[in-house]
Amino acid sequence: MTVLLFGMVLALLLPILVVCRRTDVWHRLAAFASVSTKVAMLMLVVSVVRDDWMVGVVGVIVLCVGNGAVMLLANLLRGVDP
């Protein structure tokens, strides 16, 4: 189980590298949405391991609501940029 958690944490580093390298707002917001998805999935795995359903509920809310708002903001900013 620790190998799975370690792999998930390593997968979090890839979008963070994209944020550091790119200057385009669209790419940065997409990378932040990817980080949000991966953190929510990590929360779900931890909630199953710990048998704590409250952490799982928070992970599901972040997974359902958080990414939609970030991607809507990214589309709005893409339309504003010339």
Protein backbone atom coordinates (compact mmCIF):
# COMPACT_ATOMS: atom_id res chain seq x y z
CA MET A 1 0.00 0.00 0.00
CA THR A 2 2.86 2.39 0.67
CA VAL A 3 4.13 1.83 -2.87
CA LEU A 4 0.75 3.00 -4.20
CA LEU A 5 0.81 6.12 -2.03
CA PHE A 6 4.42 6.84 -2.99
CA GLY A 7 3.53 6.50 -6.67
CA MET A 8 0.58 8.83 -6.28
CA VAL A 9 2.75 11.46 -4.60
CA LEU A 10 5.30 11.17 -7.42
CA ALA A 11 2.48 11.62 -9.93
CA LEU A 12 1.67 14.90 -8.20
CA LEU A 13 5.09 16.26 -9.12
CA LEU A 14 4.51 16.17 -12.89
CA PRO A 15 1.84 18.93 -13.05
CA ILE A 16 3.86 20.99 -10.60
CA LEU A 17 6.79 20.85 -13.06
CA VAL A 18 4.45 22.03 -15.83
CA VAL A 19 3.41 24.99 -13.70
CA CYS A 20 7.02 25.94 -13.12
CA ARG A 21 8.01 25.69 -16.79
CA ARG A 22 5.03 27.19 -18.66
CA THR A 23 4.02 30.84 -18.61
CA ASP A 24 0.69 30.42 -20.41
CA VAL A 25 -2.29 30.84 -18.09
CA TRP A 26 -4.25 28.05 -19.78
CA HIS A 27 -1.50 25.48 -19.17
CA ARG A 28 -1.05 26.58 -15.58
CA LEU A 29 -4.75 26.30 -14.76
CA ALA A 30 -4.97 22.90 -16.43
CA ALA A 31 -1.99 21.75 -14.37
CA PHE A 32 -3.64 23.01 -11.18
CA ALA A 33 -6.80 21.11 -12.10
CA SER A 34 -4.69 17.99 -12.56
CA VAL A 35 -3.13 18.50 -9.13
CA SER A 36 -6.59 18.92 -7.63
CA THR A 37 -7.76 15.65 -9.19
CA LYS A 38 -4.71 13.76 -7.98
CA VAL A 39 -5.01 15.13 -4.45
CA ALA A 40 -8.69 14.14 -4.34
CA MET A 41 -7.84 10.61 -5.49
CA LEU A 42 -5.07 10.46 -2.88
CA MET A 43 -7.61 11.51 -0.25
CA LEU A 44 -9.92 8.69 -1.34
CA VAL A 45 -7.14 6.11 -1.09
CA VAL A 46 -6.12 7.38 2.35
CA SER A 47 -9.74 7.32 3.52
CA VAL A 48 -10.08 3.68 2.46
CA VAL A 49 -6.82 2.73 4.17
CA ARG A 50 -7.73 4.53 7.40
CA ASP A 51 -11.42 3.52 7.19
CA ASP A 52 -12.39 7.17 7.68
CA TRP A 53 -15.42 8.06 5.60
CA MET A 54 -15.30 11.79 6.42
CA VAL A 55 -12.01 12.20 4.55
CA GLY A 56 -13.56 10.29 1.65
CA VAL A 57 -16.56 12.62 1.54
CA VAL A 58 -14.28 15.65 1.37
CA GLY A 59 -12.30 13.97 -1.42
CA VAL A 60 -15.48 13.32 -3.41
CA ILE A 61 -16.61 16.94 -2.99
CA VAL A 62 -13.23 18.22 -4.15
CA LEU A 63 -13.32 15.82 -7.08
CA CYS A 64 -16.82 16.83 -8.16
CA VAL A 65 -16.84 20.57 -7.57
CA GLY A 66 -13.23 21.75 -7.54
CA ASN A 67 -12.17 20.85 -11.06
CA GLY A 68 -15.27 22.27 -12.69
CA ALA A 69 -14.62 25.70 -11.21
CA VAL A 70 -10.94 25.70 -12.21
CA MET A 71 -11.68 24.67 -15.79
CA LEU A 72 -14.49 27.27 -16.08
CA LEU A 73 -12.04 29.92 -14.93
CA ALA A 74 -9.46 28.70 -17.44
CA ASN A 75 -11.96 28.95 -20.30
CA LEU A 76 -12.99 32.44 -19.23
CA LEU A 77 -9.37 33.58 -19.08
CA ARG A 78 -8.62 32.02 -22.45
CA GLY A 79 -11.46 34.05 -23.97
CA VAL A 80 -10.19 37.28 -22.41
CA ASP A 81 -6.56 36.88 -23.55
CA PRO A 82 -5.92 38.32 -27.03
